[in-house]
């Protein structure tokens, strides 16, 4: 029988899921062999009580997925972070629905903000692309030091610092509401017209970046 999900803005009533969410995020990063900024249950709970998160539950109330919003540079930039789906419920297209709901919540709360993300996940890159994000150079992202401090716990932090914060294994992607006024982003060599909807393209891009920036690392599928 097909599982039905409720995807909604998280509230203070959902904080009891915070510890489970943090563990799932960390375990998923280990499986992928990628770095990730550490979160605490208290931090995730705060996002829920502030109304800056989206949660997915089954009709029975079982936690299924999560994503939250962070604002940087006096809310000029917004990041949709911590996207995670419970291993029990993967393969249902849930990540895409949660990401879209978080994107909509961000646009509602911060209509003028640029929405950005750093990711090594091919599936997340594909979802971002479908939402209107473009791959950009790191200089297009927030210069808020608090954001970049979050990278210190990442296993790839040495790459970020060696490149003076101008590049890393993560791919930078950005949505700018002003692009609707024909403003163009500074593109990476990965042209937006090449993105399409083929997940294999994103997987090849992740593999390429890891081979170039950390050749001793292996991409885990």
Protein backbone atom coordinates (compact mmCIF):
# COMPACT_ATOMS: atom_id res chain seq x y z
CA UNK A 1 0.00 0.00 0.00
CA UNK A 2 1.27 3.45 -0.92
CA UNK A 3 2.42 5.54 2.03
CA UNK A 4 0.77 8.96 2.28
CA UNK A 5 2.70 11.89 3.72
CA UNK A 6 1.79 15.18 5.31
CA UNK A 7 4.31 17.90 4.41
CA UNK A 8 3.91 21.13 6.37
CA UNK A 9 5.63 23.93 8.24
CA UNK A 10 7.19 22.54 11.41
CA UNK A 11 6.06 23.84 14.81
CA UNK A 12 7.09 23.58 18.45
CA UNK A 13 4.98 20.42 18.66
CA UNK A 14 7.54 18.66 16.42
CA UNK A 15 10.66 19.23 18.55
CA UNK A 16 10.62 15.64 19.83
CA UNK A 17 11.79 14.60 16.34
CA UNK A 18 14.90 16.82 16.48
CA UNK A 19 17.34 14.23 17.88
CA UNK A 20 16.29 11.66 15.29
CA UNK A 21 16.72 14.20 12.49
CA UNK A 22 20.25 15.15 13.59
CA UNK A 23 21.34 11.51 13.74
CA UNK A 24 19.87 10.78 10.30
CA UNK A 25 21.67 13.78 8.78
CA UNK A 26 25.04 12.73 10.19
CA UNK A 27 24.65 9.07 9.27
CA UNK A 28 23.64 9.91 5.71
CA UNK A 29 26.71 12.14 5.31
CA UNK A 30 28.95 9.30 6.50
CA UNK A 31 27.41 6.88 4.02
CA UNK A 32 27.94 9.33 1.14
CA UNK A 33 31.49 10.02 2.30
CA UNK A 34 30.89 13.76 2.29
CA UNK A 35 31.42 16.54 4.76
CA UNK A 36 28.60 18.33 6.51
CA UNK A 37 28.18 21.19 8.96
CA UNK A 38 27.16 19.70 12.30
CA UNK A 39 23.74 20.42 13.74
CA UNK A 40 22.49 19.91 17.27
CA UNK A 41 18.99 18.88 18.38
CA UNK A 42 18.69 22.28 20.07
CA UNK A 43 19.46 24.09 16.82
CA UNK A 44 16.96 22.03 14.83
CA UNK A 45 14.34 22.51 17.56
CA UNK A 46 14.89 26.26 17.35
CA UNK A 47 14.13 26.25 13.63
CA UNK A 48 10.90 24.40 14.30
CA UNK A 49 9.71 26.81 16.99
CA UNK A 50 10.63 29.80 14.80
CA UNK A 51 8.53 28.50 11.92
CA UNK A 52 11.60 28.19 9.71
CA UNK A 53 11.43 24.51 8.85
CA UNK A 54 9.40 21.99 6.90
CA UNK A 55 8.66 18.51 8.20
CA UNK A 56 7.19 15.42 6.56
CA UNK A 57 5.22 12.87 8.56
CA UNK A 58 3.16 9.83 7.76
CA UNK A 59 -0.53 10.00 8.57
CA UNK A 60 0.32 8.01 11.68
CA UNK A 61 2.74 10.71 12.82
CA UNK A 62 6.00 8.88 11.99
CA UNK A 63 8.81 11.27 11.03
CA UNK A 64 9.73 10.96 7.34
CA UNK A 65 11.72 14.03 6.29
CA UNK A 66 12.91 17.54 7.13
CA UNK A 67 14.53 20.74 5.88
CA UNK A 68 15.07 24.16 7.46
CA UNK A 69 15.73 27.79 6.57
CA UNK A 70 18.70 29.94 7.55
CA UNK A 71 18.97 33.69 6.84
CA UNK A 72 22.34 35.38 6.32
CA UNK A 73 23.72 38.87 5.61
CA UNK A 74 20.72 40.59 7.21
CA UNK A 75 18.30 38.30 5.34
CA UNK A 76 19.70 39.24 1.92
CA UNK A 77 20.55 35.56 1.49
CA UNK A 78 18.61 32.48 2.56
CA UNK A 79 19.77 28.87 2.64
CA UNK A 80 17.54 25.79 2.65
CA UNK A 81 19.64 23.42 4.71
CA UNK A 82 19.62 20.01 6.33
CA UNK A 83 17.43 18.32 3.71
CA UNK A 84 16.99 14.75 4.87
CA UNK A 85 14.59 11.87 4.30
CA UNK A 86 14.34 8.90 6.65
CA UNK A 87 15.93 5.83 5.13
CA UNK A 88 12.64 4.03 5.69
CA UNK A 89 10.83 6.34 3.29
CA UNK A 90 13.33 7.00 0.51
CA UNK A 91 12.34 6.30 -3.06
CA UNK A 92 8.95 8.02 -2.77
CA UNK A 93 10.03 11.36 -4.26
CA UNK A 94 9.75 12.88 -0.81
CA UNK A 95 12.99 14.90 -0.94
CA UNK A 96 11.75 16.84 -3.95
CA UNK A 97 8.43 17.65 -2.26
CA UNK A 98 10.12 18.77 0.98
CA UNK A 99 12.63 20.90 -0.91
CA UNK A 100 9.86 22.54 -2.93
CA UNK A 101 7.85 23.25 0.23
CA UNK A 102 10.91 24.78 1.92
CA UNK A 103 11.63 26.87 -1.16
CA UNK A 104 8.04 28.19 -1.11
CA UNK A 105 8.29 28.94 2.63
CA UNK A 106 11.54 30.84 2.01
CA UNK A 107 9.96 32.89 -0.77
CA UNK A 108 7.04 33.73 1.53
CA UNK A 109 9.17 34.75 4.51
CA UNK A 110 11.99 36.38 2.53
CA UNK A 111 10.56 37.40 -0.87
CA UNK A 112 13.54 39.60 -1.82
CA UNK A 113 16.29 37.23 -0.65
CA UNK A 114 18.62 35.19 -2.81
CA UNK A 115 18.25 31.50 -1.98
CA UNK A 116 21.45 29.47 -2.13
CA UNK A 117 22.91 26.12 -1.24
CA UNK A 118 26.16 24.19 -1.11
CA UNK A 119 25.80 20.50 -1.82
CA UNK A 120 27.64 17.37 -2.94
CA UNK A 121 24.39 15.50 -3.54
CA UNK A 122 23.54 14.86 -7.19
CA UNK A 123 19.85 14.40 -6.39
CA UNK A 124 19.73 17.72 -4.52
CA UNK A 125 21.43 19.48 -7.45
CA UNK A 126 18.78 18.10 -9.78
CA UNK A 127 15.97 19.27 -7.49
CA UNK A 128 17.56 22.72 -7.13
CA UNK A 129 17.85 23.03 -10.89
CA UNK A 130 14.17 22.24 -11.36
CA UNK A 131 13.29 24.94 -8.80
CA UNK A 132 15.24 27.55 -10.76
CA UNK A 133 18.63 27.51 -9.05
CA UNK A 134 21.75 28.00 -11.17
CA UNK A 135 25.31 26.84 -10.45
CA UNK A 136 27.41 29.88 -9.54
CA UNK A 137 30.89 30.76 -8.31
CA UNK A 138 31.36 30.95 -4.53
CA UNK A 139 31.79 34.73 -4.73
CA UNK A 140 28.06 34.96 -5.54
CA UNK A 141 27.17 33.57 -2.09
CA UNK A 142 26.87 35.33 1.25
CA UNK A 143 30.02 36.75 2.83
CA UNK A 144 28.54 36.28 6.32
CA UNK A 145 31.35 34.75 8.37
CA UNK A 146 28.91 32.85 10.57
CA UNK A 147 27.77 30.85 7.57
CA UNK A 148 31.31 29.91 6.56
CA UNK A 149 32.20 29.03 10.16
CA UNK A 150 29.70 26.21 9.81
CA UNK A 151 32.03 24.56 7.29
CA UNK A 152 34.76 24.06 9.90
CA UNK A 153 33.38 20.67 10.93
CA UNK A 154 33.38 19.44 7.32
CA UNK A 155 36.00 16.87 6.29
CA UNK A 156 36.74 18.98 3.21
CA UNK A 157 37.37 22.23 5.09
CA UNK A 158 41.06 22.14 4.16
CA UNK A 159 40.11 22.39 0.49
CA UNK A 160 37.88 25.40 1.16
CA UNK A 161 40.60 27.26 3.05
CA UNK A 162 43.33 26.37 0.57
CA UNK A 163 41.23 27.99 -2.17
CA UNK A 164 40.59 31.11 -0.09
CA UNK A 165 36.89 30.21 0.13
CA UNK A 166 36.50 30.46 -3.64
CA UNK A 167 35.73 26.80 -4.25
CA UNK A 168 35.42 23.34 -2.72
CA UNK A 169 33.94 19.90 -3.43
CA UNK A 170 30.46 21.30 -2.80
CA UNK A 171 28.70 22.88 -5.75
CA UNK A 172 27.28 26.36 -5.14
CA UNK A 173 23.76 26.91 -6.47
CA UNK A 174 21.70 30.10 -6.30
CA UNK A 175 18.18 31.32 -6.98
CA UNK A 176 17.89 35.07 -7.44
CA UNK A 177 14.37 36.53 -7.75
CA UNK A 178 15.82 39.40 -9.79
CA UNK A 179 16.73 36.99 -12.58
CA UNK A 180 13.13 37.40 -13.60
CA UNK A 181 14.22 40.93 -14.57
CA UNK A 182 16.81 39.40 -16.95
CA UNK A 183 19.79 39.69 -14.61
CA UNK A 184 22.29 36.94 -15.31
CA UNK A 185 24.37 35.04 -12.73
CA UNK A 186 28.09 34.49 -12.98
CA UNK A 187 28.11 30.93 -14.24
CA UNK A 188 30.60 28.20 -13.55
CA UNK A 189 31.86 26.09 -16.45
CA UNK A 190 28.87 23.89 -15.74
CA UNK A 191 26.41 25.75 -18.00
CA UNK A 192 22.77 25.87 -17.02
CA UNK A 193 21.69 24.80 -20.53
CA UNK A 194 23.51 21.53 -19.98
CA UNK A 195 21.63 20.62 -16.81
CA UNK A 196 18.45 19.14 -18.21
CA UNK A 197 16.69 16.63 -16.01
CA UNK A 198 19.12 13.74 -16.26
CA UNK A 199 20.34 12.73 -12.81
CA UNK A 200 23.40 11.04 -14.33
CA UNK A 201 24.72 14.46 -15.37
CA UNK A 202 24.76 15.63 -11.76
CA UNK A 203 26.36 12.37 -10.63
CA UNK A 204 29.13 12.82 -13.19
CA UNK A 205 29.68 16.38 -11.98
CA UNK A 206 30.03 15.23 -8.34
CA UNK A 207 32.50 12.54 -9.38
CA UNK A 208 34.52 15.02 -11.44
CA UNK A 209 34.81 17.53 -8.58
CA UNK A 210 35.87 14.88 -6.09
CA UNK A 211 38.44 13.41 -8.46
CA UNK A 212 39.94 16.84 -9.14
CA UNK A 213 39.85 18.32 -5.63
CA UNK A 214 40.39 15.18 -3.58
CA UNK A 215 41.54 12.42 -5.93
CA UNK A 216 42.17 9.96 -3.11
CA UNK A 217 38.45 10.04 -2.19
CA UNK A 218 35.99 7.65 -3.79
CA UNK A 219 32.44 8.60 -4.63
CA UNK A 220 30.05 6.27 -2.86
CA UNK A 221 26.78 5.45 -4.55
